């Protein structure tokens, strides 16, 4: 199939910014209360991961955006190569 595939540029993919992860038991989840803090495995000074359809695509830093700075955004600081993606998943 050697046709023009530029239409792929218009496909939408879900992107997610990952702050970090942790593991909890069902009991710990059930006992959670409002105001409780969950510690994540990500250090506060490390870049956040941008995932496209579940795969790391880039890394960046959290920024305030919007007219009043009332929303969050991600400033891209590093694009992740295919080779780096494969190494991280191994």
C-alpha atoms as a PDB file:
ATOM      1  CA  UNK A   1       0.000   0.000   0.000  1.00  0.00           C
ATOM      2  CA  UNK A   2       2.125   2.861  -1.292  1.00  0.00           C
ATOM      3  CA  UNK A   3      -0.551   5.581  -1.263  1.00  0.00           C
ATOM      4  CA  UNK A   4      -0.530   9.010   0.317  1.00  0.00           C
ATOM      5  CA  UNK A   5      -0.773   8.643   4.119  1.00  0.00           C
ATOM      6  CA  UNK A   6      -0.883  12.326   5.065  1.00  0.00           C
ATOM      7  CA  UNK A   7      -4.433  11.748   6.380  1.00  0.00           C
ATOM      8  CA  UNK A   8      -2.757  10.080   9.401  1.00  0.00           C
ATOM      9  CA  UNK A   9      -1.649  13.547  10.551  1.00  0.00           C
ATOM     10  CA  UNK A  10      -5.290  14.351  11.332  1.00  0.00           C
ATOM     11  CA  UNK A  11      -5.920  11.314  13.549  1.00  0.00           C
ATOM     12  CA  UNK A  12      -6.398  12.190  17.201  1.00  0.00           C
ATOM     13  CA  UNK A  13      -4.595  10.292  19.956  1.00  0.00           C
ATOM     14  CA  UNK A  14      -5.111  10.560  23.677  1.00  0.00           C
ATOM     15  CA  UNK A  15      -2.204  12.168  25.519  1.00  0.00           C
ATOM     16  CA  UNK A  16      -1.579  11.896  29.247  1.00  0.00           C
ATOM     17  CA  UNK A  17       0.855  13.660  31.553  1.00  0.00           C
ATOM     18  CA  UNK A  18       2.080  11.296  34.237  1.00  0.00           C
ATOM     19  CA  UNK A  19       3.017  12.782  37.599  1.00  0.00           C
ATOM     20  CA  UNK A  20       4.146   9.481  39.066  1.00  0.00           C
ATOM     21  CA  UNK A  21       2.904   6.115  40.281  1.00  0.00           C
ATOM     22  CA  UNK A  22       2.417   4.117  43.434  1.00  0.00           C
ATOM     23  CA  UNK A  23       0.942   0.767  44.422  1.00  0.00           C
ATOM     24  CA  UNK A  24      -1.892   0.481  46.919  1.00  0.00           C
ATOM     25  CA  UNK A  25      -4.014  -2.369  48.176  1.00  0.00           C
ATOM     26  CA  UNK A  26      -7.762  -2.343  47.714  1.00  0.00           C
ATOM     27  CA  UNK A  27      -8.034  -1.882  51.507  1.00  0.00           C
ATOM     28  CA  UNK A  28      -5.825   1.238  51.361  1.00  0.00           C
ATOM     29  CA  UNK A  29      -7.981   2.654  48.573  1.00  0.00           C
ATOM     30  CA  UNK A  30     -11.187   1.908  50.477  1.00  0.00           C
ATOM     31  CA  UNK A  31      -9.857   3.597  53.636  1.00  0.00           C
ATOM     32  CA  UNK A  32      -8.825   6.830  51.909  1.00  0.00           C
ATOM     33  CA  UNK A  33     -10.265  10.060  53.188  1.00  0.00           C
ATOM     34  CA  UNK A  34     -10.554  13.535  51.758  1.00  0.00           C
ATOM     35  CA  UNK A  35      -7.334  15.474  52.269  1.00  0.00           C
ATOM     36  CA  UNK A  36      -5.163  12.354  52.443  1.00  0.00           C
ATOM     37  CA  UNK A  37      -1.841  12.540  50.589  1.00  0.00           C
ATOM     38  CA  UNK A  38      -0.619   9.712  48.369  1.00  0.00           C
ATOM     39  CA  UNK A  39       3.144   9.649  47.877  1.00  0.00           C
ATOM     40  CA  UNK A  40       4.247   8.981  44.302  1.00  0.00           C
ATOM     41  CA  UNK A  41       7.484   7.399  43.088  1.00  0.00           C
ATOM     42  CA  UNK A  42       8.450  10.477  41.045  1.00  0.00           C
ATOM     43  CA  UNK A  43      10.909  12.981  42.551  1.00  0.00           C
ATOM     44  CA  UNK A  44       9.553  16.546  42.509  1.00  0.00           C
ATOM     45  CA  UNK A  45      12.513  17.839  40.482  1.00  0.00           C
ATOM     46  CA  UNK A  46      12.278  15.209  37.713  1.00  0.00           C
ATOM     47  CA  UNK A  47      10.568  15.910  34.368  1.00  0.00           C
ATOM     48  CA  UNK A  48       7.033  14.635  33.884  1.00  0.00           C
ATOM     49  CA  UNK A  49       6.269  12.067  31.191  1.00  0.00           C
ATOM     50  CA  UNK A  50       3.991  12.850  28.247  1.00  0.00           C
ATOM     51  CA  UNK A  51       2.396   9.654  26.968  1.00  0.00           C
ATOM     52  CA  UNK A  52       0.671   9.317  23.608  1.00  0.00           C
ATOM     53  CA  UNK A  53      -1.596   6.272  23.507  1.00  0.00           C
ATOM     54  CA  UNK A  54       0.277   4.859  26.511  1.00  0.00           C
ATOM     55  CA  UNK A  55       3.813   5.299  25.109  1.00  0.00           C
ATOM     56  CA  UNK A  56       6.304   7.893  26.384  1.00  0.00           C
ATOM     57  CA  UNK A  57       6.597  10.518  23.675  1.00  0.00           C
ATOM     58  CA  UNK A  58       8.269  13.419  25.498  1.00  0.00           C
ATOM     59  CA  UNK A  59       9.191  14.820  28.918  1.00  0.00           C
ATOM     60  CA  UNK A  60       8.636  18.256  30.332  1.00  0.00           C
ATOM     61  CA  UNK A  61       7.879  20.554  33.227  1.00  0.00           C
ATOM     62  CA  UNK A  62       4.581  21.650  34.721  1.00  0.00           C
ATOM     63  CA  UNK A  63       3.541  25.232  33.938  1.00  0.00           C
ATOM     64  CA  UNK A  64       0.541  27.444  34.673  1.00  0.00           C
ATOM     65  CA  UNK A  65      -1.426  28.472  31.568  1.00  0.00           C
ATOM     66  CA  UNK A  66      -4.625  30.308  30.711  1.00  0.00           C
ATOM     67  CA  UNK A  67      -5.592  33.934  31.074  1.00  0.00           C
ATOM     68  CA  UNK A  68      -5.533  33.738  34.851  1.00  0.00           C
ATOM     69  CA  UNK A  69      -2.964  30.985  35.207  1.00  0.00           C
ATOM     70  CA  UNK A  70      -5.853  28.803  36.305  1.00  0.00           C
ATOM     71  CA  UNK A  71      -4.952  25.733  34.242  1.00  0.00           C
ATOM     72  CA  UNK A  72      -1.946  23.464  34.028  1.00  0.00           C
ATOM     73  CA  UNK A  73       0.197  22.697  31.007  1.00  0.00           C
ATOM     74  CA  UNK A  74       3.394  20.883  30.135  1.00  0.00           C
ATOM     75  CA  UNK A  75       6.419  22.637  28.632  1.00  0.00           C
ATOM     76  CA  UNK A  76       8.257  20.061  26.512  1.00  0.00           C
ATOM     77  CA  UNK A  77      11.923  19.837  27.476  1.00  0.00           C
ATOM     78  CA  UNK A  78      12.867  16.558  25.786  1.00  0.00           C
ATOM     79  CA  UNK A  79      11.537  14.470  22.920  1.00  0.00           C
ATOM     80  CA  UNK A  80      11.930  10.738  23.517  1.00  0.00           C
ATOM     81  CA  UNK A  81      13.326   8.690  20.638  1.00  0.00           C
ATOM     82  CA  UNK A  82      11.966   5.312  19.597  1.00  0.00           C
ATOM     83  CA  UNK A  83      15.189   3.677  20.834  1.00  0.00           C
ATOM     84  CA  UNK A  84      14.795   5.278  24.279  1.00  0.00           C
ATOM     85  CA  UNK A  85      11.149   4.123  24.426  1.00  0.00           C
ATOM     86  CA  UNK A  86      12.242   0.554  23.727  1.00  0.00           C
ATOM     87  CA  UNK A  87      14.990   0.721  26.376  1.00  0.00           C
ATOM     88  CA  UNK A  88      12.547   2.055  29.012  1.00  0.00           C
ATOM     89  CA  UNK A  89      10.001  -0.678  28.369  1.00  0.00           C
ATOM     90  CA  UNK A  90      12.633  -3.453  28.678  1.00  0.00           C
END
